[in-house]
Amino acid sequence: MLTVVVRTLILYAVVIIALRIMGKRELGQLQPFELVVILMISELAAVPSENVGVPLLSGIIPILVLLSASSTLAWISLKSEKARGIICGVPSILIDRGEIKEDALRKNCYNLTDLLEELRIKNILNIADVEFAILENNGELSVFPKAHKRPTTPEDFNMTPQYEGPPLTLIMDGKLFKNNLQEGHKDIHWLKRELKKHKIKDIEDVFLASLDSAGELYVQKKISKKPK
C-alpha cells in the first residue's frame, strides 16, 4: 500500500510540474495540441499509479516526451506565423459586416443554434445587432456589436475618468501585509487610526482590509465566535 501511495504522489508531482511549465491558462483557452497533451498526460500518469507492475519510469518518461513536444510546438508557433496557422489553425469570421457566412459555419461544424446560443451568452439577443463575430482558435466566439448598439463609454462624452487600479490588500484574516501598506504610501499609524473609526482596536480582529486607487479603505471585521 505504501508503494502505491509513494508512486501516486511522485506521478502527481510530475504532472503538476508539467502543467505549470505549460503555463497558466484555463481549459477553454488551450490550443488543440495543448489539450491533447493534457489528456494524454493524465492517461499516462493513471496507468503506473493503478498498476504497481508497471515501472514508474514508463509513466514519467512519456510525460516528459509529451512536455518537450508541446514546448517545441509552442516555440515554433511563437516564432513562425505560418507554422502557427498550421499547428493552431486560424480564426474564422462567422459574421462579416452583419452577414452570416454560411461557408464558415459549415467549415467549422457550427450551426445557427450554436451561433445564437453563443450570442446570448455574450448578452446579445438580436443577431441583427452584430457587426462581426469571429470564432477564435480556442473555440471562443468574439462578438463586435454594430456601432449604434455597443455600450457607451466615457470617451463618447469626452470624459476622462480617474485612474482605477486594483486594490491593495492591507489585512487578510488578521495578517498585516506591510509591503502593500508601503506601496499605498501609508503607514501603520494611519491604518490604526482608520481602524479605530470602524471601532476596531486590533489588526487581528480584521477579516479583510483593502485600499483602492482612490485612497478609500474597505474594512470588514471578523465575526466573533460565540462561546459554547
Protein backbone atom coordinates (compact mmCIF):
# COMPACT_ATOMS: atom_id res chain seq x y z
CA MET A 1 0.00 0.00 0.00
CA LEU A 2 2.82 2.40 0.88
CA THR A 3 4.40 1.76 -2.53
CA VAL A 4 1.16 2.74 -4.30
CA VAL A 5 0.91 5.95 -2.25
CA VAL A 6 4.51 6.96 -2.97
CA ARG A 7 4.19 6.20 -6.70
CA THR A 8 0.96 8.17 -6.92
CA LEU A 9 2.49 11.18 -5.14
CA ILE A 10 5.53 11.12 -7.45
CA LEU A 11 3.36 10.99 -10.56
CA TYR A 12 1.12 13.71 -9.15
CA ALA A 13 4.14 15.97 -8.62
CA VAL A 14 5.40 15.27 -12.16
CA VAL A 15 2.01 16.11 -13.70
CA ILE A 16 1.69 19.33 -11.67
CA ILE A 17 5.20 20.45 -12.72
CA ALA A 18 4.42 19.61 -16.36
CA LEU A 19 1.20 21.64 -16.30
CA ARG A 20 2.94 24.58 -14.63
CA ILE A 21 5.61 24.55 -17.34
CA MET A 22 2.87 24.63 -19.99
CA GLY A 23 1.62 27.91 -18.47
CA LYS A 24 -1.37 29.27 -16.59
CA ARG A 25 -4.37 29.05 -18.86
CA GLU A 26 -7.93 27.87 -18.45
CA LEU A 27 -9.03 24.69 -20.19
CA GLY A 28 -11.14 26.64 -22.69
CA GLN A 29 -8.16 28.80 -23.67
CA LEU A 30 -5.90 25.89 -24.64
CA GLN A 31 -4.86 25.28 -28.21
CA PRO A 32 -5.89 21.85 -29.64
CA PHE A 33 -2.37 20.38 -29.37
CA GLU A 34 -2.13 21.55 -25.75
CA LEU A 35 -5.45 19.94 -24.87
CA VAL A 36 -4.32 16.66 -26.43
CA VAL A 37 -1.11 16.77 -24.36
CA ILE A 38 -3.06 17.28 -21.13
CA LEU A 39 -5.41 14.37 -21.90
CA MET A 40 -2.52 12.07 -22.76
CA ILE A 41 -0.54 13.09 -19.68
CA SER A 42 -3.50 12.25 -17.44
CA GLU A 43 -3.81 8.81 -19.07
CA LEU A 44 -0.08 8.09 -18.85
CA ALA A 45 0.01 9.07 -15.18
CA ALA A 46 -3.02 6.93 -14.33
CA VAL A 47 -1.58 3.61 -15.56
CA PRO A 48 1.55 3.38 -13.32
CA SER A 49 -0.37 4.69 -10.30
CA GLU A 50 -3.04 1.97 -10.68
CA ASN A 51 -0.74 -0.91 -11.64
CA VAL A 52 2.30 -1.48 -9.42
CA GLY A 53 3.66 -3.92 -12.00
CA VAL A 54 4.23 -1.09 -14.49
CA PRO A 55 7.62 0.61 -13.93
CA LEU A 56 7.34 4.19 -12.69
CA LEU A 57 9.60 5.41 -15.48
CA SER A 58 7.12 4.01 -18.01
CA GLY A 59 4.81 6.82 -16.96
CA ILE A 60 7.33 9.58 -16.28
CA ILE A 61 9.37 9.30 -19.50
CA PRO A 62 6.36 9.59 -21.89
CA ILE A 63 5.09 12.57 -19.88
CA LEU A 64 8.46 14.31 -20.28
CA VAL A 65 8.46 13.47 -24.02
CA LEU A 66 4.99 14.98 -24.44
CA LEU A 67 6.02 18.05 -22.46
CA SER A 68 9.08 18.50 -24.69
CA ALA A 69 6.96 18.09 -27.82
CA SER A 70 4.39 20.60 -26.54
CA SER A 71 7.09 23.13 -25.64
CA THR A 72 8.69 22.69 -29.06
CA LEU A 73 5.41 23.25 -30.90
CA ALA A 74 4.67 26.29 -28.74
CA TRP A 75 8.13 27.74 -29.53
CA ILE A 76 7.71 27.07 -33.27
CA SER A 77 4.26 28.68 -33.32
CA LEU A 78 5.68 31.66 -31.46
CA LYS A 79 8.48 32.18 -33.99
CA SER A 80 6.56 31.48 -37.21
CA GLU A 81 3.14 32.86 -38.06
CA LYS A 82 2.77 30.34 -40.91
CA ALA A 83 3.61 27.45 -38.60
CA ARG A 84 1.17 28.81 -36.03
CA GLY A 85 -1.60 28.73 -38.63
CA ILE A 86 -0.83 25.07 -39.37
CA ILE A 87 -0.45 23.99 -35.73
CA CYS A 88 -3.16 26.07 -34.07
CA GLY A 89 -5.38 26.98 -37.00
CA VAL A 90 -6.69 30.44 -37.87
CA PRO A 91 -9.72 32.34 -36.59
CA SER A 92 -12.87 32.12 -38.71
CA ILE A 93 -15.21 35.04 -39.39
CA LEU A 94 -18.77 33.75 -38.89
CA ILE A 95 -20.48 37.14 -39.24
CA ASP A 96 -18.90 39.71 -41.54
CA ARG A 97 -20.40 43.22 -41.60
CA GLY A 98 -23.69 41.88 -40.38
CA GLU A 99 -23.83 39.00 -42.86
CA ILE A 100 -23.75 35.39 -41.64
CA LYS A 101 -21.09 33.42 -43.53
CA GLU A 102 -22.67 30.04 -44.26
CA ASP A 103 -19.45 28.56 -45.67
CA ALA A 104 -17.57 29.42 -42.48
CA LEU A 105 -20.32 27.83 -40.36
CA ARG A 106 -20.15 24.58 -42.35
CA LYS A 107 -16.35 24.53 -42.32
CA ASN A 108 -16.28 24.76 -38.51
CA CYS A 109 -19.26 22.41 -37.96
CA TYR A 110 -21.07 25.35 -36.39
CA ASN A 111 -24.83 25.60 -36.82
CA LEU A 112 -27.14 28.55 -36.31
CA THR A 113 -28.32 27.21 -32.96
CA ASP A 114 -24.74 27.23 -31.68
CA LEU A 115 -24.22 30.74 -33.00
CA LEU A 116 -27.38 32.12 -31.42
CA GLU A 117 -26.54 30.42 -28.12
CA GLU A 118 -23.07 31.98 -28.04
CA LEU A 119 -24.54 35.40 -28.84
CA ARG A 120 -26.97 35.06 -25.92
CA ILE A 121 -24.02 34.19 -23.66
CA LYS A 122 -22.47 37.47 -24.83
CA ASN A 123 -25.71 39.27 -23.83
CA ILE A 124 -26.75 39.84 -27.46
CA LEU A 125 -30.33 38.77 -28.12
CA ASN A 126 -30.70 40.06 -31.68
CA ILE A 127 -28.27 38.79 -34.30
CA ALA A 128 -29.06 41.89 -36.35
CA ASP A 129 -27.10 43.91 -33.79
CA VAL A 130 -23.83 42.11 -34.63
CA GLU A 131 -21.26 43.63 -36.98
CA PHE A 132 -18.58 40.93 -36.66
CA ALA A 133 -18.41 37.53 -34.96
CA ILE A 134 -15.09 35.68 -35.01
CA LEU A 135 -14.57 32.08 -33.91
CA GLU A 136 -11.16 32.00 -32.24
CA ASN A 137 -8.74 29.07 -32.29
CA ASN A 138 -9.69 28.01 -28.76
CA GLY A 139 -13.40 27.84 -29.64
CA GLU A 140 -14.29 31.17 -28.03
CA LEU A 141 -16.59 33.45 -30.03
CA SER A 142 -15.53 37.11 -30.15
CA VAL A 143 -18.51 39.37 -30.87
CA PHE A 144 -18.39 43.01 -32.01
CA PRO A 145 -21.77 44.82 -31.99
CA LYS A 146 -22.68 47.46 -34.53
CA ALA A 147 -21.59 50.95 -33.64
CA HIS A 148 -25.03 52.18 -32.60
CA LYS A 149 -25.62 49.06 -30.48
CA ARG A 150 -22.39 48.97 -28.47
CA PRO A 151 -22.34 50.23 -24.87
CA THR A 152 -21.40 53.87 -24.41
CA THR A 153 -18.01 54.75 -22.97
CA PRO A 154 -16.73 57.89 -21.19
CA GLU A 155 -14.87 58.74 -24.41
CA ASP A 156 -18.21 59.11 -26.19
CA PHE A 157 -19.00 62.03 -23.84
CA ASN A 158 -15.45 63.47 -23.94
CA MET A 159 -14.96 62.42 -20.34
CA THR A 160 -11.69 61.26 -18.77
CA PRO A 161 -12.37 59.09 -15.73
CA GLN A 162 -9.89 58.86 -12.90
CA TYR A 163 -7.35 56.09 -12.86
CA GLU A 164 -8.71 52.93 -11.26
CA GLY A 165 -6.22 50.23 -10.41
CA PRO A 166 -6.51 47.01 -8.44
CA PRO A 167 -7.00 47.49 -4.69
CA LEU A 168 -4.18 46.69 -2.30
CA THR A 169 -4.90 44.09 0.38
CA LEU A 170 -3.63 45.51 3.66
CA ILE A 171 -5.02 42.95 6.09
CA MET A 172 -6.31 39.46 5.42
CA ASP A 173 -7.66 37.30 8.22
CA GLY A 174 -5.80 39.29 10.85
CA LYS A 175 -2.47 39.27 8.98
CA LEU A 176 -0.86 42.60 8.00
CA PHE A 177 0.76 42.98 4.56
CA LYS A 178 3.44 45.60 5.19
CA ASN A 179 4.64 45.70 1.57
CA ASN A 180 1.17 46.63 0.32
CA LEU A 181 0.89 49.25 3.04
CA GLN A 182 4.12 50.86 1.84
CA GLU A 183 3.06 50.59 -1.80
CA GLY A 184 -0.10 52.51 -0.92
CA HIS A 185 2.07 55.22 0.70
CA LYS A 186 0.51 54.61 4.11
CA ASP A 187 1.95 53.67 7.48
CA ILE A 188 0.83 51.59 10.42
CA HIS A 189 -0.24 54.65 12.41
CA TRP A 190 -2.62 55.74 9.66
CA LEU A 191 -4.02 52.24 9.45
CA LYS A 192 -4.68 52.02 13.17
CA ARG A 193 -6.42 55.39 13.12
CA GLU A 194 -8.67 54.23 10.28
CA LEU A 195 -9.46 51.01 12.09
CA LYS A 196 -10.49 52.96 15.17
CA LYS A 197 -13.04 54.79 13.02
CA HIS A 198 -14.57 51.40 12.34
CA LYS A 199 -14.43 50.58 16.08
CA ILE A 200 -11.68 48.01 15.61
CA LYS A 201 -8.84 48.04 18.14
CA ASP A 202 -6.53 45.28 16.90
CA ILE A 203 -5.36 44.22 13.45
CA GLU A 204 -6.04 40.62 14.47
CA ASP A 205 -9.76 41.49 14.60
CA VAL A 206 -9.86 42.44 10.90
CA PHE A 207 -11.13 39.87 8.41
CA LEU A 208 -10.27 41.98 5.34
CA ALA A 209 -8.96 45.50 4.76
CA SER A 210 -8.14 46.80 1.29
CA LEU A 211 -7.13 50.18 -0.11
CA ASP A 212 -8.40 51.22 -3.55
CA SER A 213 -6.67 53.53 -6.02
CA ALA A 214 -8.78 56.47 -4.80
CA GLY A 215 -7.44 56.07 -1.27
CA GLU A 216 -10.67 54.64 0.16
CA LEU A 217 -10.28 51.95 2.79
CA TYR A 218 -12.62 48.96 2.86
CA VAL A 219 -12.77 47.17 6.20
CA GLN A 220 -14.67 44.11 7.36
CA LYS A 221 -14.40 42.94 10.94
CA LYS A 222 -14.09 39.29 11.92
CA ILE A 223 -17.21 37.70 13.26
CA SER A 224 -16.52 36.87 16.86
CA LYS A 225 -17.13 33.23 17.70
CA LYS A 226 -19.81 32.69 20.28
CA PRO A 227 -18.61 30.77 23.34
CA LYS A 228 -20.02 27.26 23.53
